[in-house]
Amino acid sequence: MKTISIGKMLITLVGLMTAFGSYAFDWNNTHIFNDNWPPHAKFHNAQTMVLGTLLGLFTIWLLWFRKGEQRTNLKLAVTTALFYWIGQIGASMFPGTALLDPEFTHPGQLPAQLIVCVVIFGLLGIAFVLETKKLNSNTAHRNR
């Protein structure tokens, strides 16, 4: 039986943030309604939003609904949850990209995407350690 634990709740939170967070942060004048963006740039923003939704929901499915070995499901869920956020960091390394458009930057302020990525990586790291310990404990308990 699958139980609710802090680790699973953290991974679920990241899955929900991945699935729906971009709609909160991109459905405005800084992104999808930015008059300075050409239609093709908006297309790629929308594509990224849909991809985040798919990855986030898939993370949750892997964690809560997929049949099979729990340790494998955990690894797959955490890996899938990381893809979107690693993609943000990777995208920032391409020529001509920036985490924020110039009209929305403030001197000395860290971009929110960078802060969110660090928090997400931390949450997933903590969740993975907690869930791995729980699985190890359950295995040891069954072997007694």
C-alpha atoms as a PDB file:
ATOM      1  CA  MET A   1       0.000   0.000   0.000  1.00  0.00           C
ATOM      2  CA  LYS A   2       1.287   3.444  -0.890  1.00  0.00           C
ATOM      3  CA  THR A   3       1.563   5.808   2.049  1.00  0.00           C
ATOM      4  CA  ILE A   4       1.808   9.566   2.259  1.00  0.00           C
ATOM      5  CA  SER A   5       5.240  10.713   3.378  1.00  0.00           C
ATOM      6  CA  ILE A   6       7.138  13.990   3.464  1.00  0.00           C
ATOM      7  CA  GLY A   7       9.348  12.870   0.579  1.00  0.00           C
ATOM      8  CA  LYS A   8       6.401  11.962  -1.628  1.00  0.00           C
ATOM      9  CA  MET A   9       4.649  15.193  -0.759  1.00  0.00           C
ATOM     10  CA  LEU A  10       7.749  17.212  -1.732  1.00  0.00           C
ATOM     11  CA  ILE A  11       8.036  15.411  -5.069  1.00  0.00           C
ATOM     12  CA  THR A  12       4.305  15.912  -5.641  1.00  0.00           C
ATOM     13  CA  LEU A  13       4.700  19.623  -4.864  1.00  0.00           C
ATOM     14  CA  VAL A  14       7.496  19.881  -7.430  1.00  0.00           C
ATOM     15  CA  GLY A  15       5.335  17.974  -9.935  1.00  0.00           C
ATOM     16  CA  LEU A  16       2.485  20.436  -9.404  1.00  0.00           C
ATOM     17  CA  MET A  17       4.839  23.427  -9.644  1.00  0.00           C
ATOM     18  CA  THR A  18       6.264  22.007 -12.861  1.00  0.00           C
ATOM     19  CA  ALA A  19       2.814  21.284 -14.297  1.00  0.00           C
ATOM     20  CA  PHE A  20       1.134  24.578 -13.444  1.00  0.00           C
ATOM     21  CA  GLY A  21       3.751  27.094 -12.284  1.00  0.00           C
ATOM     22  CA  SER A  22       4.531  28.413 -15.741  1.00  0.00           C
ATOM     23  CA  TYR A  23       0.902  29.456 -16.189  1.00  0.00           C
ATOM     24  CA  ALA A  24       1.208  31.601 -13.071  1.00  0.00           C
ATOM     25  CA  PHE A  25       4.548  33.079 -14.139  1.00  0.00           C
ATOM     26  CA  ASP A  26       4.299  33.184 -17.952  1.00  0.00           C
ATOM     27  CA  TRP A  27       0.630  34.001 -18.629  1.00  0.00           C
ATOM     28  CA  ASN A  28       1.267  37.754 -18.439  1.00  0.00           C
ATOM     29  CA  ASN A  29       2.991  40.688 -20.139  1.00  0.00           C
ATOM     30  CA  THR A  30       6.486  39.364 -19.395  1.00  0.00           C
ATOM     31  CA  HIS A  31       5.981  36.316 -21.608  1.00  0.00           C
ATOM     32  CA  ILE A  32       2.956  35.174 -23.600  1.00  0.00           C
ATOM     33  CA  PHE A  33       1.400  38.683 -23.793  1.00  0.00           C
ATOM     34  CA  ASN A  34       4.719  40.515 -24.275  1.00  0.00           C
ATOM     35  CA  ASP A  35       4.234  42.810 -27.287  1.00  0.00           C
ATOM     36  CA  ASN A  36       7.991  42.727 -27.937  1.00  0.00           C
ATOM     37  CA  TRP A  37       7.952  38.974 -28.564  1.00  0.00           C
ATOM     38  CA  PRO A  38       7.354  37.737 -32.102  1.00  0.00           C
ATOM     39  CA  PRO A  39       4.719  35.003 -32.586  1.00  0.00           C
ATOM     40  CA  HIS A  40       7.345  32.271 -32.941  1.00  0.00           C
ATOM     41  CA  ALA A  41       8.918  33.167 -29.578  1.00  0.00           C
ATOM     42  CA  LYS A  42       5.447  33.002 -28.016  1.00  0.00           C
ATOM     43  CA  PHE A  43       4.953  29.604 -29.678  1.00  0.00           C
ATOM     44  CA  HIS A  44       8.099  28.285 -27.983  1.00  0.00           C
ATOM     45  CA  ASN A  45       6.981  29.747 -24.662  1.00  0.00           C
ATOM     46  CA  ALA A  46       3.636  27.961 -25.036  1.00  0.00           C
ATOM     47  CA  GLN A  47       5.445  24.773 -26.056  1.00  0.00           C
ATOM     48  CA  THR A  48       7.534  24.965 -22.889  1.00  0.00           C
ATOM     49  CA  MET A  49       4.447  25.552 -20.773  1.00  0.00           C
ATOM     50  CA  VAL A  50       2.733  22.463 -22.226  1.00  0.00           C
ATOM     51  CA  LEU A  51       5.921  20.417 -21.806  1.00  0.00           C
ATOM     52  CA  GLY A  52       6.089  21.462 -18.136  1.00  0.00           C
ATOM     53  CA  THR A  53       2.488  20.339 -17.682  1.00  0.00           C
ATOM     54  CA  LEU A  54       3.226  16.955 -19.229  1.00  0.00           C
ATOM     55  CA  LEU A  55       6.419  16.418 -17.216  1.00  0.00           C
ATOM     56  CA  GLY A  56       4.796  17.496 -13.953  1.00  0.00           C
ATOM     57  CA  LEU A  57       1.770  15.267 -14.391  1.00  0.00           C
ATOM     58  CA  PHE A  58       3.961  12.357 -15.496  1.00  0.00           C
ATOM     59  CA  THR A  59       6.078  12.827 -12.349  1.00  0.00           C
ATOM     60  CA  ILE A  60       2.959  12.537 -10.208  1.00  0.00           C
ATOM     61  CA  TRP A  61       1.733   9.483 -12.130  1.00  0.00           C
ATOM     62  CA  LEU A  62       5.113   7.746 -11.708  1.00  0.00           C
ATOM     63  CA  LEU A  63       5.128   8.448  -7.987  1.00  0.00           C
ATOM     64  CA  TRP A  64       1.533   7.576  -7.096  1.00  0.00           C
ATOM     65  CA  PHE A  65      -0.043   5.422  -9.791  1.00  0.00           C
ATOM     66  CA  ARG A  66       2.579   3.440 -11.707  1.00  0.00           C
ATOM     67  CA  LYS A  67       2.684  -0.229 -10.840  1.00  0.00           C
ATOM     68  CA  GLY A  68       6.064  -1.798 -10.238  1.00  0.00           C
ATOM     69  CA  GLU A  69       9.012  -1.567  -7.919  1.00  0.00           C
ATOM     70  CA  GLN A  70       8.812   1.517  -5.670  1.00  0.00           C
ATOM     71  CA  ARG A  71      12.540   2.318  -5.800  1.00  0.00           C
ATOM     72  CA  THR A  72      12.483   2.379  -9.611  1.00  0.00           C
ATOM     73  CA  ASN A  73       9.332   4.519  -9.611  1.00  0.00           C
ATOM     74  CA  LEU A  74      10.969   6.938  -7.172  1.00  0.00           C
ATOM     75  CA  LYS A  75      14.076   7.304  -9.321  1.00  0.00           C
ATOM     76  CA  LEU A  76      12.003   7.813 -12.464  1.00  0.00           C
ATOM     77  CA  ALA A  77       9.732  10.369 -10.762  1.00  0.00           C
ATOM     78  CA  VAL A  78      12.648  12.426  -9.425  1.00  0.00           C
ATOM     79  CA  THR A  79      14.477  12.258 -12.755  1.00  0.00           C
ATOM     80  CA  THR A  80      11.372  13.321 -14.669  1.00  0.00           C
ATOM     81  CA  ALA A  81      10.762  16.149 -12.197  1.00  0.00           C
ATOM     82  CA  LEU A  82      14.311  17.407 -12.783  1.00  0.00           C
ATOM     83  CA  PHE A  83      14.081  17.526 -16.602  1.00  0.00           C
ATOM     84  CA  TYR A  84      12.109  20.776 -16.873  1.00  0.00           C
ATOM     85  CA  TRP A  85      14.291  22.617 -14.370  1.00  0.00           C
ATOM     86  CA  ILE A  86      17.569  21.354 -15.818  1.00  0.00           C
ATOM     87  CA  GLY A  87      16.203  22.503 -19.168  1.00  0.00           C
ATOM     88  CA  GLN A  88      15.821  26.040 -17.801  1.00  0.00           C
ATOM     89  CA  ILE A  89      19.435  26.120 -16.666  1.00  0.00           C
ATOM     90  CA  GLY A  90      20.592  24.602 -19.973  1.00  0.00           C
ATOM     91  CA  ALA A  91      18.549  27.088 -22.019  1.00  0.00           C
ATOM     92  CA  SER A  92      20.219  29.995 -20.228  1.00  0.00           C
ATOM     93  CA  MET A  93      23.580  28.857 -21.627  1.00  0.00           C
ATOM     94  CA  PHE A  94      22.583  29.252 -25.282  1.00  0.00           C
ATOM     95  CA  PRO A  95      23.832  32.343 -27.133  1.00  0.00           C
ATOM     96  CA  GLY A  96      21.501  35.334 -27.015  1.00  0.00           C
ATOM     97  CA  THR A  97      19.313  33.999 -24.194  1.00  0.00           C
ATOM     98  CA  ALA A  98      18.636  35.613 -20.834  1.00  0.00           C
ATOM     99  CA  LEU A  99      16.649  34.623 -17.776  1.00  0.00           C
ATOM    100  CA  LEU A 100      14.796  37.961 -17.976  1.00  0.00           C
ATOM    101  CA  ASP A 101      14.141  40.494 -20.706  1.00  0.00           C
ATOM    102  CA  PRO A 102      15.926  43.833 -20.137  1.00  0.00           C
ATOM    103  CA  GLU A 103      12.737  45.738 -19.290  1.00  0.00           C
ATOM    104  CA  PHE A 104      12.082  43.373 -16.355  1.00  0.00           C
ATOM    105  CA  THR A 105      15.585  43.203 -14.847  1.00  0.00           C
ATOM    106  CA  HIS A 106      16.646  45.044 -11.719  1.00  0.00           C
ATOM    107  CA  PRO A 107      20.328  45.628 -10.843  1.00  0.00           C
ATOM    108  CA  GLY A 108      21.578  43.284  -8.141  1.00  0.00           C
ATOM    109  CA  GLN A 109      18.423  41.133  -8.159  1.00  0.00           C
ATOM    110  CA  LEU A 110      18.791  37.418  -8.814  1.00  0.00           C
ATOM    111  CA  PRO A 111      16.392  36.142 -11.480  1.00  0.00           C
ATOM    112  CA  ALA A 112      13.447  34.297  -9.946  1.00  0.00           C
ATOM    113  CA  GLN A 113      14.033  31.317 -12.273  1.00  0.00           C
ATOM    114  CA  LEU A 114      17.491  30.777 -10.803  1.00  0.00           C
ATOM    115  CA  ILE A 115      16.175  30.905  -7.244  1.00  0.00           C
ATOM    116  CA  VAL A 116      13.294  28.553  -8.088  1.00  0.00           C
ATOM    117  CA  CYS A 117      15.681  26.080  -9.751  1.00  0.00           C
ATOM    118  CA  VAL A 118      17.923  25.987  -6.677  1.00  0.00           C
ATOM    119  CA  VAL A 119      14.885  25.451  -4.420  1.00  0.00           C
ATOM    120  CA  ILE A 120      13.526  22.693  -6.713  1.00  0.00           C
ATOM    121  CA  PHE A 121      16.892  20.886  -6.786  1.00  0.00           C
ATOM    122  CA  GLY A 122      17.040  21.100  -2.980  1.00  0.00           C
ATOM    123  CA  LEU A 123      13.472  19.848  -2.500  1.00  0.00           C
ATOM    124  CA  LEU A 124      14.031  16.916  -4.836  1.00  0.00           C
ATOM    125  CA  GLY A 125      17.345  16.052  -3.169  1.00  0.00           C
ATOM    126  CA  ILE A 126      15.759  16.063   0.285  1.00  0.00           C
ATOM    127  CA  ALA A 127      12.744  14.104  -0.970  1.00  0.00           C
ATOM    128  CA  PHE A 128      14.919  11.478  -2.642  1.00  0.00           C
ATOM    129  CA  VAL A 129      17.003  10.957   0.514  1.00  0.00           C
ATOM    130  CA  LEU A 130      13.886  10.717   2.716  1.00  0.00           C
ATOM    131  CA  GLU A 131      12.122   8.278   0.409  1.00  0.00           C
ATOM    132  CA  THR A 132      15.242   6.143  -0.066  1.00  0.00           C
ATOM    133  CA  LYS A 133      15.659   5.897   3.717  1.00  0.00           C
ATOM    134  CA  LYS A 134      11.990   4.958   4.065  1.00  0.00           C
ATOM    135  CA  LEU A 135      12.300   2.258   1.405  1.00  0.00           C
ATOM    136  CA  ASN A 136      15.509   0.929   3.014  1.00  0.00           C
ATOM    137  CA  SER A 137      13.807   0.879   6.406  1.00  0.00           C
ATOM    138  CA  ASN A 138      10.773  -0.951   5.002  1.00  0.00           C
ATOM    139  CA  THR A 139      13.051  -3.514   3.334  1.00  0.00           C
ATOM    140  CA  ALA A 140      15.022  -4.073   6.541  1.00  0.00           C
ATOM    141  CA  HIS A 141      11.788  -4.377   8.536  1.00  0.00           C
ATOM    142  CA  ARG A 142      10.400  -7.014   6.124  1.00  0.00           C
ATOM    143  CA  ASN A 143      13.647  -9.019   6.267  1.00  0.00           C
ATOM    144  CA  ARG A 144      13.476  -9.445  10.045  1.00  0.00           C
END
